[in-house]
Amino acid sequence: FVSSDRDEPTFNQYYETMPWTAVSFTNKEVKQSLAARFAVSSIPFLVILDGADGSVKDMQGRTTVAASRADPFAAVVKWEQKVSA
């Protein structure tokens, strides 16, 4: 998770509810680097990466998840198929 919150207390409050890791709010260099690498143009923005090698599985993760609302696991199946292919 990379925050676009305006201040650290807001980030901390929001982050407390999340089960995943995050880039430190104060680490602006990493945030800028990731935004440039993945051409982040809006928030929320979700990129799915392969945990084994860091390759991109889905640059449009948010769209994939939104399209799978009736069956959230359909998005996971799509990403797993990209690994198998």
PDB file of N, CA and C in Angstrom:
ATOM      1  N   PHE A   1       0.838  -1.169   0.000  1.00  0.00           N
ATOM      2  CA  PHE A   1       0.000   0.000   0.000  1.00  0.00           C
ATOM      3  C   PHE A   1       0.882   1.232   0.000  1.00  0.00           C
ATOM      4  N   VAL A   2       0.549   2.184  -0.851  1.00  0.00           N
ATOM      5  CA  VAL A   2       1.241   3.473  -0.898  1.00  0.00           C
ATOM      6  C   VAL A   2       0.185   4.552  -0.687  1.00  0.00           C
ATOM      7  N   SER A   3       0.379   5.330   0.332  1.00  0.00           N
ATOM      8  CA  SER A   3      -0.616   6.320   0.727  1.00  0.00           C
ATOM      9  C   SER A   3      -0.533   7.616  -0.069  1.00  0.00           C
ATOM     10  N   SER A   4      -1.696   8.195  -0.279  1.00  0.00           N
ATOM     11  CA  SER A   4      -1.778   9.557  -0.814  1.00  0.00           C
ATOM     12  C   SER A   4      -2.487  10.462   0.183  1.00  0.00           C
ATOM     13  N   ASP A   5      -2.494  10.037   1.451  1.00  0.00           N
ATOM     14  CA  ASP A   5      -3.103  10.858   2.497  1.00  0.00           C
ATOM     15  C   ASP A   5      -2.343  12.172   2.629  1.00  0.00           C
ATOM     16  N   ARG A   6      -3.034  13.174   3.132  1.00  0.00           N
ATOM     17  CA  ARG A   6      -2.439  14.511   3.259  1.00  0.00           C
ATOM     18  C   ARG A   6      -1.499  14.648   4.444  1.00  0.00           C
ATOM     19  N   ASP A   7      -1.728  13.839   5.486  1.00  0.00           N
ATOM     20  CA  ASP A   7      -0.865  13.949   6.657  1.00  0.00           C
ATOM     21  C   ASP A   7      -0.690  12.574   7.304  1.00  0.00           C
ATOM     22  N   GLU A   8       0.347  12.456   8.133  1.00  0.00           N
ATOM     23  CA  GLU A   8       0.688  11.169   8.734  1.00  0.00           C
ATOM     24  C   GLU A   8      -0.363  10.649   9.710  1.00  0.00           C
ATOM     25  N   PRO A   9      -0.978  11.487  10.548  1.00  0.00           N
ATOM     26  CA  PRO A   9      -2.026  10.965  11.430  1.00  0.00           C
ATOM     27  C   PRO A   9      -3.196  10.333  10.651  1.00  0.00           C
ATOM     28  N   THR A  10      -3.576  10.942   9.548  1.00  0.00           N
ATOM     29  CA  THR A  10      -4.652  10.377   8.724  1.00  0.00           C
ATOM     30  C   THR A  10      -4.221   9.035   8.139  1.00  0.00           C
ATOM     31  N   PHE A  11      -2.981   8.978   7.634  1.00  0.00           N
ATOM     32  CA  PHE A  11      -2.441   7.722   7.130  1.00  0.00           C
ATOM     33  C   PHE A  11      -2.472   6.650   8.215  1.00  0.00           C
ATOM     34  N   ASN A  12      -1.975   6.988   9.407  1.00  0.00           N
ATOM     35  CA  ASN A  12      -1.918   6.010  10.497  1.00  0.00           C
ATOM     36  C   ASN A  12      -3.295   5.485  10.862  1.00  0.00           C
ATOM     37  N   GLN A  13      -4.278   6.362  10.910  1.00  0.00           N
ATOM     38  CA  GLN A  13      -5.635   5.953  11.253  1.00  0.00           C
ATOM     39  C   GLN A  13      -6.189   5.000  10.189  1.00  0.00           C
ATOM     40  N   TYR A  14      -5.995   5.316   8.936  1.00  0.00           N
ATOM     41  CA  TYR A  14      -6.481   4.486   7.833  1.00  0.00           C
ATOM     42  C   TYR A  14      -5.723   3.160   7.775  1.00  0.00           C
ATOM     43  N   TYR A  15      -4.410   3.230   7.945  1.00  0.00           N
ATOM     44  CA  TYR A  15      -3.575   2.038   7.834  1.00  0.00           C
ATOM     45  C   TYR A  15      -3.872   1.017   8.929  1.00  0.00           C
ATOM     46  N   GLU A  16      -4.295   1.470  10.106  1.00  0.00           N
ATOM     47  CA  GLU A  16      -4.637   0.556  11.203  1.00  0.00           C
ATOM     48  C   GLU A  16      -5.698  -0.462  10.802  1.00  0.00           C
ATOM     49  N   THR A  17      -6.505  -0.141   9.806  1.00  0.00           N
ATOM     50  CA  THR A  17      -7.591  -1.030   9.393  1.00  0.00           C
ATOM     51  C   THR A  17      -7.170  -2.011   8.302  1.00  0.00           C
ATOM     52  N   MET A  18      -5.924  -1.942   7.855  1.00  0.00           N
ATOM     53  CA  MET A  18      -5.479  -2.749   6.716  1.00  0.00           C
ATOM     54  C   MET A  18      -4.670  -3.967   7.144  1.00  0.00           C
ATOM     55  N   PRO A  19      -4.860  -5.086   6.432  1.00  0.00           N
ATOM     56  CA  PRO A  19      -4.115  -6.299   6.777  1.00  0.00           C
ATOM     57  C   PRO A  19      -2.777  -6.438   6.041  1.00  0.00           C
ATOM     58  N   TRP A  20      -2.408  -5.489   5.206  1.00  0.00           N
ATOM     59  CA  TRP A  20      -1.195  -5.618   4.397  1.00  0.00           C
ATOM     60  C   TRP A  20      -0.154  -4.588   4.801  1.00  0.00           C
ATOM     61  N   THR A  21       1.039  -4.734   4.252  1.00  0.00           N
ATOM     62  CA  THR A  21       2.120  -3.810   4.555  1.00  0.00           C
ATOM     63  C   THR A  21       1.978  -2.532   3.733  1.00  0.00           C
ATOM     64  N   ALA A  22       2.713  -1.518   4.154  1.00  0.00           N
ATOM     65  CA  ALA A  22       2.646  -0.231   3.461  1.00  0.00           C
ATOM     66  C   ALA A  22       4.029   0.401   3.406  1.00  0.00           C
ATOM     67  N   VAL A  23       4.218   1.232   2.403  1.00  0.00           N
ATOM     68  CA  VAL A  23       5.401   2.083   2.341  1.00  0.00           C
ATOM     69  C   VAL A  23       5.216   3.154   3.417  1.00  0.00           C
ATOM     70  N   SER A  24       6.266   3.430   4.151  1.00  0.00           N
ATOM     71  CA  SER A  24       6.193   4.439   5.195  1.00  0.00           C
ATOM     72  C   SER A  24       5.668   5.757   4.618  1.00  0.00           C
ATOM     73  N   PHE A  25       4.792   6.410   5.354  1.00  0.00           N
ATOM     74  CA  PHE A  25       4.218   7.670   4.898  1.00  0.00           C
ATOM     75  C   PHE A  25       5.302   8.698   4.589  1.00  0.00           C
ATOM     76  N   THR A  26       6.373   8.674   5.345  1.00  0.00           N
ATOM     77  CA  THR A  26       7.431   9.665   5.172  1.00  0.00           C
ATOM     78  C   THR A  26       8.385   9.347   4.012  1.00  0.00           C
ATOM     79  N   ASN A  27       8.255   8.175   3.423  1.00  0.00           N
ATOM     80  CA  ASN A  27       9.161   7.774   2.341  1.00  0.00           C
ATOM     81  C   ASN A  27       8.626   8.242   0.988  1.00  0.00           C
ATOM     82  N   LYS A  28       8.721   9.527   0.755  1.00  0.00           N
ATOM     83  CA  LYS A  28       8.180  10.139  -0.470  1.00  0.00           C
ATOM     84  C   LYS A  28       8.931   9.687  -1.720  1.00  0.00           C
ATOM     85  N   GLU A  29      10.235   9.381  -1.580  1.00  0.00           N
ATOM     86  CA  GLU A  29      11.019   8.956  -2.739  1.00  0.00           C
ATOM     87  C   GLU A  29      10.503   7.643  -3.311  1.00  0.00           C
ATOM     88  N   VAL A  30      10.186   6.693  -2.444  1.00  0.00           N
ATOM     89  CA  VAL A  30       9.657   5.408  -2.910  1.00  0.00           C
ATOM     90  C   VAL A  30       8.288   5.615  -3.549  1.00  0.00           C
ATOM     91  N   LYS A  31       7.465   6.443  -2.927  1.00  0.00           N
ATOM     92  CA  LYS A  31       6.145   6.718  -3.492  1.00  0.00           C
ATOM     93  C   LYS A  31       6.276   7.297  -4.901  1.00  0.00           C
ATOM     94  N   GLN A  32       7.139   8.266  -5.063  1.00  0.00           N
ATOM     95  CA  GLN A  32       7.324   8.892  -6.376  1.00  0.00           C
ATOM     96  C   GLN A  32       7.891   7.901  -7.388  1.00  0.00           C
ATOM     97  N   SER A  33       8.807   7.064  -6.949  1.00  0.00           N
ATOM     98  CA  SER A  33       9.412   6.069  -7.836  1.00  0.00           C
ATOM     99  C   SER A  33       8.369   5.052  -8.316  1.00  0.00           C
ATOM    100  N   LEU A  34       7.554   4.566  -7.393  1.00  0.00           N
ATOM    101  CA  LEU A  34       6.511   3.606  -7.763  1.00  0.00           C
ATOM    102  C   LEU A  34       5.468   4.254  -8.672  1.00  0.00           C
ATOM    103  N   ALA A  35       5.084   5.474  -8.365  1.00  0.00           N
ATOM    104  CA  ALA A  35       4.104   6.177  -9.196  1.00  0.00           C
ATOM    105  C   ALA A  35       4.620   6.341 -10.618  1.00  0.00           C
ATOM    106  N   ALA A  36       5.891   6.650 -10.750  1.00  0.00           N
ATOM    107  CA  ALA A  36       6.474   6.793 -12.091  1.00  0.00           C
ATOM    108  C   ALA A  36       6.594   5.447 -12.787  1.00  0.00           C
ATOM    109  N   ARG A  37       7.070   4.435 -12.065  1.00  0.00           N
ATOM    110  CA  ARG A  37       7.269   3.106 -12.671  1.00  0.00           C
ATOM    111  C   ARG A  37       5.974   2.518 -13.211  1.00  0.00           C
ATOM    112  N   PHE A  38       4.876   2.713 -12.474  1.00  0.00           N
ATOM    113  CA  PHE A  38       3.607   2.112 -12.861  1.00  0.00           C
ATOM    114  C   PHE A  38       2.632   3.109 -13.484  1.00  0.00           C
ATOM    115  N   ALA A  39       3.106   4.292 -13.791  1.00  0.00           N
ATOM    116  CA  ALA A  39       2.304   5.324 -14.455  1.00  0.00           C
ATOM    117  C   ALA A  39       0.971   5.556 -13.731  1.00  0.00           C
ATOM    118  N   VAL A  40       1.056   5.752 -12.431  1.00  0.00           N
ATOM    119  CA  VAL A  40      -0.139   5.998 -11.626  1.00  0.00           C
ATOM    120  C   VAL A  40      -0.744   7.323 -12.045  1.00  0.00           C
ATOM    121  N   SER A  41      -2.003   7.277 -12.427  1.00  0.00           N
ATOM    122  CA  SER A  41      -2.667   8.486 -12.913  1.00  0.00           C
ATOM    123  C   SER A  41      -3.855   8.908 -12.049  1.00  0.00           C
ATOM    124  N   SER A  42      -4.286   8.015 -11.168  1.00  0.00           N
ATOM    125  CA  SER A  42      -5.424   8.329 -10.297  1.00  0.00           C
ATOM    126  C   SER A  42      -5.368   7.395  -9.093  1.00  0.00           C
ATOM    127  N   ILE A  43      -6.165   7.715  -8.085  1.00  0.00           N
ATOM    128  CA  ILE A  43      -6.273   6.832  -6.930  1.00  0.00           C
ATOM    129  C   ILE A  43      -7.744   6.498  -6.707  1.00  0.00           C
ATOM    130  N   PRO A  44      -8.063   5.304  -6.251  1.00  0.00           N
ATOM    131  CA  PRO A  44      -7.116   4.232  -5.991  1.00  0.00           C
ATOM    132  C   PRO A  44      -6.566   3.620  -7.283  1.00  0.00           C
ATOM    133  N   PHE A  45      -5.361   3.094  -7.190  1.00  0.00           N
ATOM    134  CA  PHE A  45      -4.672   2.465  -8.318  1.00  0.00           C
ATOM    135  C   PHE A  45      -4.122   1.145  -7.802  1.00  0.00           C
ATOM    136  N   LEU A  46      -4.410   0.061  -8.481  1.00  0.00           N
ATOM    137  CA  LEU A  46      -4.011  -1.266  -8.016  1.00  0.00           C
ATOM    138  C   LEU A  46      -3.245  -1.994  -9.107  1.00  0.00           C
ATOM    139  N   VAL A  47      -1.998  -2.321  -8.805  1.00  0.00           N
ATOM    140  CA  VAL A  47      -1.161  -3.113  -9.702  1.00  0.00           C
ATOM    141  C   VAL A  47      -0.942  -4.461  -9.012  1.00  0.00           C
ATOM    142  N   ILE A  48      -1.157  -5.537  -9.738  1.00  0.00           N
ATOM    143  CA  ILE A  48      -0.949  -6.872  -9.194  1.00  0.00           C
ATOM    144  C   ILE A  48       0.405  -7.372  -9.680  1.00  0.00           C
ATOM    145  N   LEU A  49       1.261  -7.734  -8.721  1.00  0.00           N
ATOM    146  CA  LEU A  49       2.602  -8.223  -9.033  1.00  0.00           C
ATOM    147  C   LEU A  49       2.724  -9.693  -8.662  1.00  0.00           C
ATOM    148  N   ASP A  50       3.560 -10.407  -9.388  1.00  0.00           N
ATOM    149  CA  ASP A  50       3.884 -11.792  -9.059  1.00  0.00           C
ATOM    150  C   ASP A  50       4.857 -11.750  -7.888  1.00  0.00           C
ATOM    151  N   GLY A  51       4.491 -12.367  -6.787  1.00  0.00           N
ATOM    152  CA  GLY A  51       5.331 -12.352  -5.599  1.00  0.00           C
ATOM    153  C   GLY A  51       6.650 -13.080  -5.780  1.00  0.00           C
ATOM    154  N   ALA A  52       6.721 -13.987  -6.734  1.00  0.00           N
ATOM    155  CA  ALA A  52       7.938 -14.767  -6.939  1.00  0.00           C
ATOM    156  C   ALA A  52       9.027 -13.977  -7.650  1.00  0.00           C
ATOM    157  N   ASP A  53       8.634 -13.200  -8.660  1.00  0.00           N
ATOM    158  CA  ASP A  53       9.660 -12.525  -9.455  1.00  0.00           C
ATOM    159  C   ASP A  53       9.424 -11.027  -9.658  1.00  0.00           C
ATOM    160  N   GLY A  54       8.325 -10.519  -9.121  1.00  0.00           N
ATOM    161  CA  GLY A  54       8.046  -9.089  -9.229  1.00  0.00           C
ATOM    162  C   GLY A  54       7.480  -8.634 -10.555  1.00  0.00           C
ATOM    163  N   SER A  55       7.207  -9.576 -11.454  1.00  0.00           N
ATOM    164  CA  SER A  55       6.645  -9.199 -12.749  1.00  0.00           C
ATOM    165  C   SER A  55       5.195  -8.742 -12.584  1.00  0.00           C
ATOM    166  N   VAL A  56       4.756  -7.915 -13.490  1.00  0.00           N
ATOM    167  CA  VAL A  56       3.392  -7.385 -13.435  1.00  0.00           C
ATOM    168  C   VAL A  56       2.414  -8.426 -13.972  1.00  0.00           C
ATOM    169  N   LYS A  57       1.402  -8.731 -13.154  1.00  0.00           N
ATOM    170  CA  LYS A  57       0.335  -9.625 -13.589  1.00  0.00           C
ATOM    171  C   LYS A  57      -0.827  -8.839 -14.174  1.00  0.00           C
ATOM    172  N   ASP A  58      -1.095  -7.660 -13.604  1.00  0.00           N
ATOM    173  CA  ASP A  58      -2.259  -6.890 -14.034  1.00  0.00           C
ATOM    174  C   ASP A  58      -2.050  -5.418 -13.689  1.00  0.00           C
ATOM    175  N   MET A  59      -1.902  -4.588 -14.706  1.00  0.00           N
ATOM    176  CA  MET A  59      -1.757  -3.143 -14.490  1.00  0.00           C
ATOM    177  C   MET A  59      -3.102  -2.488 -14.182  1.00  0.00           C
ATOM    178  N   GLN A  60      -4.184  -3.177 -14.459  1.00  0.00           N
ATOM    179  CA  GLN A  60      -5.526  -2.637 -14.241  1.00  0.00           C
ATOM    180  C   GLN A  60      -6.244  -3.415 -13.139  1.00  0.00           C
ATOM    181  N   GLY A  61      -5.536  -3.675 -12.048  1.00  0.00           N
ATOM    182  CA  GLY A  61      -6.095  -4.479 -10.959  1.00  0.00           C
ATOM    183  C   GLY A  61      -7.402  -3.932 -10.413  1.00  0.00           C
ATOM    184  N   ARG A  62      -7.510  -2.646 -10.290  1.00  0.00           N
ATOM    185  CA  ARG A  62      -8.746  -2.044  -9.776  1.00  0.00           C
ATOM    186  C   ARG A  62      -9.919  -2.363 -10.692  1.00  0.00           C
ATOM    187  N   THR A  63      -9.720  -2.252 -11.993  1.00  0.00           N
ATOM    188  CA  THR A  63     -10.776  -2.558 -12.962  1.00  0.00           C
ATOM    189  C   THR A  63     -11.144  -4.033 -12.892  1.00  0.00           C
ATOM    190  N   THR A  64     -10.152  -4.892 -12.772  1.00  0.00           N
ATOM    191  CA  THR A  64     -10.399  -6.336 -12.689  1.00  0.00           C
ATOM    192  C   THR A  64     -11.213  -6.675 -11.455  1.00  0.00           C
ATOM    193  N   VAL A  65     -10.855  -6.092 -10.322  1.00  0.00           N
ATOM    194  CA  VAL A  65     -11.587  -6.347  -9.090  1.00  0.00           C
ATOM    195  C   VAL A  65     -13.010  -5.809  -9.195  1.00  0.00           C
ATOM    196  N   ALA A  66     -13.167  -4.595  -9.708  1.00  0.00           N
ATOM    197  CA  ALA A  66     -14.505  -4.001  -9.839  1.00  0.00           C
ATOM    198  C   ALA A  66     -15.389  -4.834 -10.760  1.00  0.00           C
ATOM    199  N   ALA A  67     -14.814  -5.374 -11.815  1.00  0.00           N
ATOM    200  CA  ALA A  67     -15.588  -6.184 -12.760  1.00  0.00           C
ATOM    201  C   ALA A  67     -15.976  -7.534 -12.156  1.00  0.00           C
ATOM    202  N   SER A  68     -15.307  -7.920 -11.084  1.00  0.00           N
ATOM    203  CA  SER A  68     -15.545  -9.227 -10.460  1.00  0.00           C
ATOM    204  C   SER A  68     -16.364  -9.125  -9.186  1.00  0.00           C
ATOM    205  N   ARG A  69     -17.044  -8.033  -8.989  1.00  0.00           N
ATOM    206  CA  ARG A  69     -17.749  -7.809  -7.710  1.00  0.00           C
ATOM    207  C   ARG A  69     -18.687  -8.939  -7.321  1.00  0.00           C
ATOM    208  N   ALA A  70     -19.371  -9.520  -8.274  1.00  0.00           N
ATOM    209  CA  ALA A  70     -20.289 -10.615  -7.948  1.00  0.00           C
ATOM    210  C   ALA A  70     -19.507 -11.826  -7.445  1.00  0.00           C
ATOM    211  N   ASP A  71     -18.277 -11.974  -7.906  1.00  0.00           N
ATOM    212  CA  ASP A  71     -17.434 -13.097  -7.523  1.00  0.00           C
ATOM    213  C   ASP A  71     -15.995 -12.603  -7.378  1.00  0.00           C
ATOM    214  N   PRO A  72     -15.629 -12.087  -6.200  1.00  0.00           N
ATOM    215  CA  PRO A  72     -14.294 -11.507  -6.031  1.00  0.00           C
ATOM    216  C   PRO A  72     -13.158 -12.476  -6.341  1.00  0.00           C
ATOM    217  N   PHE A  73     -13.393 -13.756  -6.189  1.00  0.00           N
ATOM    218  CA  PHE A  73     -12.339 -14.732  -6.454  1.00  0.00           C
ATOM    219  C   PHE A  73     -12.082 -14.896  -7.948  1.00  0.00           C
ATOM    220  N   ALA A  74     -12.968 -14.387  -8.790  1.00  0.00           N
ATOM    221  CA  ALA A  74     -12.738 -14.428 -10.236  1.00  0.00           C
ATOM    222  C   ALA A  74     -11.494 -13.633 -10.601  1.00  0.00           C
ATOM    223  N   ALA A  75     -11.236 -12.546  -9.907  1.00  0.00           N
ATOM    224  CA  ALA A  75     -10.031 -11.754 -10.168  1.00  0.00           C
ATOM    225  C   ALA A  75      -8.792 -12.565  -9.818  1.00  0.00           C
ATOM    226  N   VAL A  76      -8.841 -13.267  -8.693  1.00  0.00           N
ATOM    227  CA  VAL A  76      -7.692 -14.076  -8.276  1.00  0.00           C
ATOM    228  C   VAL A  76      -7.442 -15.181  -9.290  1.00  0.00           C
ATOM    229  N   VAL A  77      -8.493 -15.813  -9.758  1.00  0.00           N
ATOM    230  CA  VAL A  77      -8.354 -16.869 -10.763  1.00  0.00           C
ATOM    231  C   VAL A  77      -7.712 -16.309 -12.022  1.00  0.00           C
ATOM    232  N   LYS A  78      -8.118 -15.138 -12.448  1.00  0.00           N
ATOM    233  CA  LYS A  78      -7.529 -14.513 -13.629  1.00  0.00           C
ATOM    234  C   LYS A  78      -6.033 -14.314 -13.441  1.00  0.00           C
ATOM    235  N   TRP A  79      -5.632 -13.818 -12.282  1.00  0.00           N
ATOM    236  CA  TRP A  79      -4.224 -13.569 -12.033  1.00  0.00           C
ATOM    237  C   TRP A  79      -3.443 -14.874 -11.944  1.00  0.00           C
ATOM    238  N   GLU A  80      -4.036 -15.901 -11.349  1.00  0.00           N
ATOM    239  CA  GLU A  80      -3.361 -17.201 -11.257  1.00  0.00           C
ATOM    240  C   GLU A  80      -3.177 -17.809 -12.642  1.00  0.00           C
ATOM    241  N   GLN A  81      -4.146 -17.626 -13.530  1.00  0.00           N
ATOM    242  CA  GLN A  81      -4.037 -18.151 -14.879  1.00  0.00           C
ATOM    243  C   GLN A  81      -2.879 -17.510 -15.624  1.00  0.00           C
ATOM    244  N   LYS A  82      -2.599 -16.254 -15.347  1.00  0.00           N
ATOM    245  CA  LYS A  82      -1.470 -15.571 -16.011  1.00  0.00           C
ATOM    246  C   LYS A  82      -0.149 -16.201 -15.604  1.00  0.00           C
ATOM    247  N   VAL A  83      -0.098 -16.749 -14.406  1.00  0.00           N
ATOM    248  CA  VAL A  83       1.118 -17.409 -13.942  1.00  0.00           C
ATOM    249  C   VAL A  83       1.279 -18.749 -14.647  1.00  0.00           C
ATOM    250  N   SER A  84       0.164 -19.473 -14.804  1.00  0.00           N
ATOM    251  CA  SER A  84       0.188 -20.798 -15.413  1.00  0.00           C
ATOM    252  C   SER A  84       0.426 -20.761 -16.914  1.00  0.00           C
ATOM    253  N   ALA A  85       0.028 -19.670 -17.547  1.00  0.00           N
ATOM    254  CA  ALA A  85       0.101 -19.587 -19.013  1.00  0.00           C
ATOM    255  C   ALA A  85       1.518 -19.510 -19.519  1.00  0.00           C
TER     256      ALA A  85
END
